[in-house]
Each structure stands twice: as structure tokens, then as C-alpha cells.
Protein backbone atom coordinates (compact mmCIF):
# COMPACT_ATOMS: atom_id res chain seq x y z
CA MET A 1 56.98 99.73 98.07
CA VAL A 2 59.00 102.92 97.71
CA LEU A 3 62.04 101.31 99.30
CA LEU A 4 61.77 98.29 96.99
CA ALA A 5 61.59 100.51 93.93
CA ILE A 6 64.64 102.45 95.05
CA PHE A 7 66.53 99.24 95.77
CA ASP A 8 65.83 97.93 92.24
CA VAL A 9 67.40 101.06 90.77
CA ILE A 10 70.43 101.28 93.03
CA TRP A 11 71.42 97.63 93.52
CA PRO A 12 73.31 97.26 90.20
CA LEU A 13 75.56 100.16 91.23
CA VAL A 14 76.51 99.48 94.84
CA SER A 15 76.31 96.85 97.52
CA LEU A 16 73.38 96.76 99.92
CA THR A 17 75.66 97.91 102.74
CA SER A 18 76.89 101.00 100.87
CA PHE A 19 73.37 101.86 99.77
CA ALA A 20 71.99 101.55 103.28
CA LEU A 21 74.74 103.72 104.77
CA ALA A 22 74.30 106.45 102.15
CA ALA A 23 70.52 106.35 102.64
CA VAL A 24 70.91 106.68 106.41
CA ALA A 25 73.19 109.70 105.94
CA VAL A 26 70.56 111.43 103.82
CA TYR A 27 67.75 110.48 106.23
CA ARG A 28 69.66 111.96 109.16
CA TYR A 29 70.35 115.14 107.21
CA HIS A 30 66.69 115.70 106.33
CA ASN A 31 65.47 114.84 109.83
CA GLN A 32 67.88 116.82 111.98
CA PRO A 33 66.30 119.21 114.52
CA ASP A 34 67.73 122.38 112.94
CA PRO A 35 67.37 122.53 109.13
CA ASP A 36 69.94 125.36 109.04
CA ALA A 37 72.60 123.46 111.00
CA PRO A 38 76.17 123.69 109.61
CA VAL A 39 76.22 119.99 108.79
CA SER A 40 79.42 120.05 106.74
CA VAL A 41 82.09 122.73 107.27
CA ASN A 42 85.33 123.43 105.40
CA TYR A 43 87.81 124.87 107.89
CA PHE A 44 90.96 126.68 106.72
CA PRO A 45 93.14 126.92 109.87
CA SER A 46 95.95 128.59 107.91
CA ARG A 47 96.42 130.13 104.47
CA GLN A 48 100.11 129.23 104.36
CA CYS A 49 101.10 126.93 101.49
CA ASN A 50 104.32 125.59 99.97
CA TYR A 51 102.84 125.39 96.46
CA SER A 52 101.98 128.24 94.09
CA CYS A 53 99.01 126.97 92.08
CA GLY A 54 98.13 129.75 89.66
CA PHE A 55 94.36 129.45 90.04
CA CYS A 56 94.22 129.20 93.86
CA PHE A 57 91.05 130.85 95.23
CA HIS A 58 92.09 130.82 98.91
CA THR A 59 95.45 132.53 98.74
CA GLU A 60 98.11 133.29 101.35
CA THR A 61 96.98 136.83 102.14
CA THR A 62 97.77 136.44 105.86
CA SER A 63 99.86 134.21 108.11
CA ASN A 64 97.29 134.25 110.93
CA MET A 65 96.61 131.06 112.85
CA LEU A 66 94.53 130.64 115.99
CA THR A 67 95.93 129.14 119.16
CA LEU A 68 94.92 125.54 119.73
CA ASP A 69 92.59 126.53 122.58
CA LYS A 70 90.76 129.05 120.36
CA ALA A 71 90.50 126.52 117.54
CA LYS A 72 89.04 123.94 119.91
CA GLN A 73 86.57 126.49 121.23
CA GLY A 74 85.33 127.21 117.71
CA LEU A 75 85.12 123.54 116.77
CA ARG A 76 83.04 122.83 119.88
CA LEU A 77 80.67 125.65 118.94
CA LEU A 78 80.28 124.14 115.48
CA LYS A 79 79.60 120.66 116.86
CA GLU A 80 77.00 122.05 119.27
CA ALA A 81 75.37 123.86 116.34
CA GLY A 82 74.99 120.59 114.40
CA MET A 83 78.24 120.03 112.49
CA ARG A 84 78.66 116.38 111.54
CA LYS A 85 81.51 116.60 109.03
CA LEU A 86 84.66 118.73 109.28
CA ASN A 87 86.93 119.15 106.28
CA ILE A 88 90.33 120.68 107.08
CA ALA A 89 91.86 122.53 104.14
CA GLY A 90 94.15 125.48 103.57
CA GLY A 91 96.68 126.55 102.61
CA GLU A 92 98.47 123.31 103.27
CA PRO A 93 97.36 121.69 106.56
CA PHE A 94 100.44 119.45 106.82
CA LEU A 95 102.74 122.47 107.14
CA HIS A 96 101.60 122.41 110.77
CA PRO A 97 101.54 118.68 111.59
CA ARG A 98 101.52 119.05 115.37
CA SER A 99 98.49 121.34 115.53
CA LEU A 100 96.77 119.28 112.83
CA ALA A 101 97.25 116.12 114.88
CA GLN A 102 95.81 117.79 117.98
CA ILE A 103 92.76 119.03 116.07
CA LEU A 104 92.17 115.58 114.58
CA GLU A 105 92.36 113.89 117.98
CA TYR A 106 90.12 116.51 119.62
CA CYS A 107 87.44 116.22 116.93
CA LYS A 108 87.28 112.44 117.13
CA GLU A 109 88.00 111.67 120.78
CA GLU A 110 86.18 114.56 122.48
CA LEU A 111 83.69 116.01 120.01
CA HIS A 112 82.90 112.67 118.30
CA VAL A 113 82.47 114.31 114.90
CA ASP A 114 81.01 111.81 112.44
CA SER A 115 83.61 112.47 109.75
CA VAL A 116 86.90 114.34 109.68
CA SER A 117 88.62 114.83 106.34
CA ILE A 118 91.69 116.70 105.10
CA ILE A 119 92.47 118.29 101.74
CA SER A 120 96.21 118.47 101.03
CA ASN A 121 98.62 118.84 98.15
CA GLY A 122 100.28 115.71 99.57
CA SER A 123 103.85 116.98 99.55
CA LYS A 124 104.28 117.07 103.34
CA ILE A 125 102.39 113.90 104.23
CA ARG A 126 104.52 111.23 105.85
CA ARG A 127 103.76 107.59 106.48
CA ASP A 128 104.59 107.80 110.18
CA PHE A 129 102.01 110.58 110.65
CA LEU A 130 99.27 108.42 109.10
CA ALA A 131 100.43 105.43 111.13
CA LYS A 132 99.94 107.40 114.35
CA TYR A 133 96.96 109.62 113.54
CA GLY A 134 95.23 107.83 110.66
CA LYS A 135 92.67 106.43 113.10
CA TYR A 136 91.33 109.98 113.43
CA ILE A 137 91.10 110.59 109.66
CA ASP A 138 88.08 109.33 107.75
CA ILE A 139 88.95 110.82 104.36
CA LEU A 140 92.23 112.10 102.96
CA GLY A 141 91.82 114.22 99.85
CA ILE A 142 94.81 114.94 97.62
CA SER A 143 94.85 117.67 94.99
CA CYS A 144 96.25 116.43 91.68
CA ASP A 145 95.56 118.35 88.47
CA SER A 146 97.64 116.32 86.05
CA PHE A 147 99.47 113.04 85.62
CA VAL A 148 102.03 114.78 83.40
CA GLY A 149 104.94 116.15 85.40
CA ALA A 150 105.55 119.18 83.18
CA THR A 151 101.88 120.18 83.39
CA ASN A 152 101.98 120.11 87.19
CA GLU A 153 104.99 122.41 87.09
CA LYS A 154 103.19 124.86 84.76
CA ILE A 155 100.21 124.93 87.11
CA GLY A 156 102.42 125.51 90.16
CA ARG A 157 102.10 122.17 91.94
CA GLY A 158 105.67 121.96 93.15
CA GLU A 159 109.01 122.24 91.39
CA ASP A 160 109.06 118.54 90.46
CA GLY A 161 105.78 117.54 88.82
CA ASP A 162 106.72 113.86 88.57
CA ALA A 163 107.50 113.73 92.29
CA HIS A 164 104.02 115.08 92.98
CA ILE A 165 102.52 112.17 91.03
CA GLN A 166 104.72 109.60 92.79
CA GLN A 167 103.77 111.01 96.19
CA LEU A 168 100.09 110.59 95.34
CA SER A 169 100.78 106.93 94.57
CA ASN A 170 102.56 106.56 97.92
CA ILE A 171 99.65 108.15 99.77
CA ALA A 172 97.15 105.86 98.04
CA THR A 173 99.12 102.88 99.36
CA TRP A 174 99.30 104.32 102.87
CA CYS A 175 95.56 105.05 102.90
CA LYS A 176 94.85 101.39 102.17
CA GLU A 177 97.31 100.34 104.86
CA TYR A 178 95.76 102.52 107.56
CA GLY A 179 92.10 102.29 106.58
CA ILE A 180 91.65 105.86 105.31
CA LYS A 181 89.32 106.61 102.41
CA LEU A 182 91.21 108.26 99.54
CA LYS A 183 89.72 111.17 97.64
CA ILE A 184 91.30 113.05 94.72
CA ASN A 185 90.55 116.66 93.77
CA THR A 186 91.26 117.98 90.26
CA VAL A 187 90.79 121.51 88.93
CA VAL A 188 90.08 121.51 85.20
CA ASN A 189 92.03 124.41 83.69
CA ALA A 190 93.65 125.62 80.49
CA TYR A 191 96.65 123.30 80.95
CA ASN A 192 94.90 119.98 81.61
CA TRP A 193 91.42 120.06 80.03
CA ASP A 194 92.52 117.83 77.10
CA GLU A 195 94.27 115.22 79.30
CA ASP A 196 92.88 111.69 79.67
CA MET A 197 93.24 110.71 83.33
CA THR A 198 91.13 107.55 83.14
CA ALA A 199 93.86 104.95 83.58
CA HIS A 200 95.57 106.77 86.47
CA ILE A 201 92.35 107.37 88.40
CA ALA A 202 91.28 103.75 87.88
CA GLU A 203 94.63 102.54 89.22
CA LEU A 204 94.54 104.81 92.29
CA ALA A 205 90.89 103.85 92.92
CA PRO A 206 89.73 106.80 95.06
CA PHE A 207 86.27 106.48 96.55
CA ARG A 208 85.55 110.00 95.23
CA TRP A 209 87.17 111.99 92.44
CA LYS A 210 86.00 115.59 92.67
CA VAL A 211 86.51 117.49 89.44
CA PHE A 212 86.14 121.29 89.64
CA GLN A 213 85.91 123.89 86.92
CA CYS A 214 88.55 126.60 87.41
CA LEU A 215 86.89 129.39 89.39
CA ILE A 216 87.42 133.15 89.72
CA VAL A 217 86.79 134.55 93.22
CA GLU A 218 86.75 138.33 93.47
CA GLY A 219 89.23 139.48 96.08
CA GLU A 220 91.37 136.35 95.74
CA ASN A 221 92.43 135.58 92.16
CA GLU A 222 90.58 137.81 89.69
CA ASP A 223 93.45 139.93 88.33
CA GLU A 224 97.13 140.85 88.53
CA THR A 225 96.66 142.84 91.75
CA ARG A 226 96.04 139.65 93.74
CA VAL A 227 98.41 136.98 95.01
CA ARG A 228 97.17 134.78 92.16
CA ASP A 229 95.70 135.74 88.78
CA ALA A 230 93.59 132.82 87.58
CA ARG A 231 92.35 134.36 84.35
CA ARG A 232 94.86 132.52 82.15
CA PHE A 233 93.77 129.20 83.67
CA LEU A 234 90.07 129.52 82.82
CA VAL A 235 88.45 127.03 80.46
CA THR A 236 85.54 127.52 78.09
CA ASP A 237 82.28 125.67 78.69
CA GLU A 238 83.12 123.51 75.68
CA GLN A 239 86.52 122.55 77.14
CA TRP A 240 84.92 121.78 80.50
CA GLN A 241 82.31 119.55 78.87
CA THR A 242 84.98 117.79 76.81
CA PHE A 243 86.86 116.84 79.98
CA CYS A 244 83.62 115.71 81.65
CA GLU A 245 82.54 113.55 78.72
CA ARG A 246 85.93 111.85 78.68
CA HIS A 247 85.69 110.76 82.32
CA LYS A 248 82.01 110.54 83.21
CA HIS A 249 81.98 106.72 82.97
CA LEU A 250 84.18 106.43 86.08
CA GLU A 251 82.04 105.53 89.09
CA CYS A 252 83.97 107.76 91.47
CA TYR A 253 83.77 110.81 89.15
CA ILE A 254 81.90 113.84 90.60
CA PRO A 255 81.96 117.06 88.54
CA GLU A 256 81.33 120.54 89.93
CA ASP A 257 81.07 123.49 87.57
CA ASN A 258 81.21 127.12 88.71
CA GLU A 259 77.45 127.37 89.17
CA THR A 260 77.36 124.25 91.33
CA MET A 261 80.19 125.45 93.57
CA ALA A 262 78.86 128.97 94.16
CA ASN A 263 77.45 129.34 97.69
CA SER A 264 77.11 125.57 98.21
CA TYR A 265 80.03 125.32 100.66
CA LEU A 266 80.29 126.53 104.25
CA ASN A 267 83.85 127.86 104.38
CA LEU A 268 85.42 128.95 107.67
CA ASP A 269 88.65 130.94 107.53
CA GLU A 270 91.69 131.16 109.82
CA ASP A 271 89.84 133.54 112.18
CA MET A 272 86.73 131.32 112.19
CA CYS A 273 84.74 133.69 110.03
CA PHE A 274 82.41 132.23 107.39
CA LEU A 275 83.29 133.14 103.80
CA ASP A 276 80.80 133.69 101.00
CA LYS A 277 82.66 133.00 97.75
CA GLY A 278 79.59 133.13 95.51
CA GLU A 279 78.77 135.78 92.93
CA GLY A 280 80.45 139.17 93.26
CA ARG A 281 83.01 140.17 95.85
CA MET A 282 83.71 137.66 98.62
CA LYS A 283 81.87 138.36 101.88
CA ARG A 284 83.16 137.59 105.37
CA SER A 285 81.06 137.11 108.50
CA GLY A 286 82.04 137.94 112.05
CA SER A 287 83.96 135.25 113.91
CA ILE A 288 81.91 132.49 115.51
CA LEU A 289 84.15 132.98 118.55
CA ASP A 290 82.66 136.46 119.00
CA ILE A 291 79.07 136.22 117.76
CA GLY A 292 78.29 132.50 117.70
CA VAL A 293 77.64 130.14 114.82
CA LYS A 294 74.04 131.06 114.00
CA LYS A 295 74.68 134.80 113.91
CA ALA A 296 77.80 134.33 111.81
CA MET A 297 75.91 132.19 109.29
CA GLU A 298 73.38 134.99 108.86
CA GLY A 299 76.21 137.14 107.50
CA ILE A 300 76.75 134.98 104.40
CA ASN A 301 74.64 133.19 101.81
CA TRP A 302 74.74 129.40 102.12
CA ASP A 303 72.66 127.72 99.42
CA LYS A 304 71.39 124.57 101.12
CA GLU A 305 69.63 123.36 97.98
CA ALA A 306 72.86 123.64 95.99
CA PHE A 307 74.64 121.80 98.83
CA GLN A 308 72.17 118.93 98.43
CA ARG A 309 72.28 118.95 94.62
CA ARG A 310 76.03 118.52 94.55
CA GLY A 311 75.83 115.53 96.90
CA GLY A 312 77.02 117.31 100.03
CA VAL A 313 75.78 114.41 102.18
CA TYR A 314 77.29 111.03 101.30
CA ASP A 315 79.04 107.99 102.79
CA TRP A 316 81.59 110.12 104.61
CA SER A 317 82.88 107.99 107.49
CA LYS A 318 85.50 105.29 107.11
CA GLU A 319 83.00 102.71 108.36
CA ASP A 320 80.96 103.36 105.22
CA GLY A 321 82.82 101.07 102.87
CA GLY A 322 82.65 101.01 99.10
CA CYS A 323 82.36 103.60 96.39
CA ALA A 324 78.85 105.03 96.60
CA SER A 325 79.83 108.29 94.95
CA GLY A 326 77.00 110.74 94.56
CA LEU A 327 74.30 108.44 95.93
CA ALA A 328 73.23 110.88 98.59
CA ASP A 329 72.22 113.57 96.12
CA LYS A 330 69.74 111.35 94.29
CA LYS A 331 66.15 112.39 94.82
CA GLU A 332 65.08 108.74 94.99
CA LEU A 333 66.73 108.54 98.42
CA GLU A 334 64.68 111.41 99.87
CA TRP A 335 61.73 109.29 100.99
């Protein structure tokens, strides 16, 4: 009876297949042997980036990068500890295409990670790379904060803001060609909060559009002493809500304000140390290569309830077709 009631609510929104796959993802999450397992991990293999986004909260403070063998060792430890989804971010991951390709292949062919995704500014992505390695990528997320070229330039997304927009269009086409699920990330800030992105997002048709409120992280972007000073990019709560109201009708739209983001992500830096970017100064654990995954996780605060509330478990493999955005965070699915 419970399943039938749930089905009656969900069916108008998604197909039976998408609903079933999202439900299975949530069921697996709530019935895994270790409730503290690092189910979904954001891994930053390098802080190096070719863009200079003014609000960046993971800045290029070092040029460190592990050897491939060390990276593989850490990824295996994570998989053994219960990781099911790996998100590779940065920095800009495609500045190191060879090592990125090797990590992708290792995660899929040897570790059999359920889902491997990448977050990129898109500028260095080439069609031939996706043609060769797209089979190892479940989700490709592209950061795009505006569909106005001049606004992108003010934010720091490249020297040619219009080229950034055109490249996103190219990538959307390539994702369809090679069976990769497209995701778009947007940071709502002082330069774009009044922009209407509805038509562009509808045309690109990402399966998820993550919209973040501009965030201050102490030790990264809180003032002029840091690589980035994000204070001039901050938006008021009213401006944030205005942007949200304008776009909330889009099925793929998923908003995350500062409170939602705090402590809900498991972030792993270039030395494979967990980062706690919640309230106050950022904390850093010991490396999982030295102390193991469980001990390292004890060094930071990961809010599992916030992870669930923001829909941290969803239809994240490329086999899970359709746009079932946010289904997995609905309480109705937690039977």
C-alpha cells in the first residue's frame, strides 16, 4: 500500500523506470552495512585552474598533485570503505587530461565505482577525449554562471565570455553523442542574480542544474589576503530568493543555499585529506593514505542528514535515464 501511494504521487513527474532507479539508489543507501560509509566523495586531484573566478572557494594555494599510483591507492581505500560515487573536481581537471583519463579508467574498469562524474569549467574539454573516455564518465558537470558574455568576464570565467557559452553548447551536443549525462552548476552572485536563464537551461536540457548561493570559506576566499576575495560577489537572501523564484519551475533545478551546503559534502583534497568547509575556519584531516578512511573522517564534520536533505543520493549512473532531479531526497521514498 505504501508503494502504491508513493507511485501515485511520483508518476506524474517521472517515468516508472526513473522512479524505480532513484528509489533503488535510496534503498541501497539506507541499507548499506556501514551507515558512516563515504558514499559520495568529491575529489580535488589538483588546485590548478586556468580561470580566475572571483568567488572560488577551492583556490590554487598549492600546485601539489599525487602520483598516479598514490591516487589509485587512495581511491581503492575509498571504494573499500563504501564509496559508490566519485566526483572529480578542482581546480580544472582537464588541465591534466592524461592522468584524468587513467583515473577514470581505473575507477570504472578495476574498482567498478557505480558513478564517476567530473566538474569542469569546460574550456579544455575536447570531443576526441569524450569519444575515447566517455564510456567511463557517467556525469559531466559544467560550471556556467551566466549566459551573458560580459558577465562571465566580470566573474572571471575566461577572457572571452561568449566563447565560454558556445563551448557549453558544444559539450551538451557531445554528451548526447557519447551517452554522458549533462549537469550544469551555477553560482548565484552579485553579477548574475537578476538574470533569467530559463530559455538557455531549457535548450541545453541538463538532467540536473545545481544552483549554489555564493559562499565564503574562511581560509580560502574571505578577504583580500587570500587568492580570491569573494565578499563583493555575495548576494542578499532577498536576491537569492528572487533568482530561485524565477527558475524553480524547471524540473532539473536544484538550489543549494549556504546552510544546505555547509558540512553536507565529503571533500578530499590533492593530498587525500578530507576538508571541512562548514562554519568557521576550514579544517583538514590527515591523509587517508596515512591513517585510513575511517580515521580521517573522524577529523572533520560530515553532516549525513544534510547530505540526504540536499538529495545527495539520486539517479547518478548513466544507465539511470531521464530527469529525476531531487527524487532521492524525498521522504516518501524512505520506506
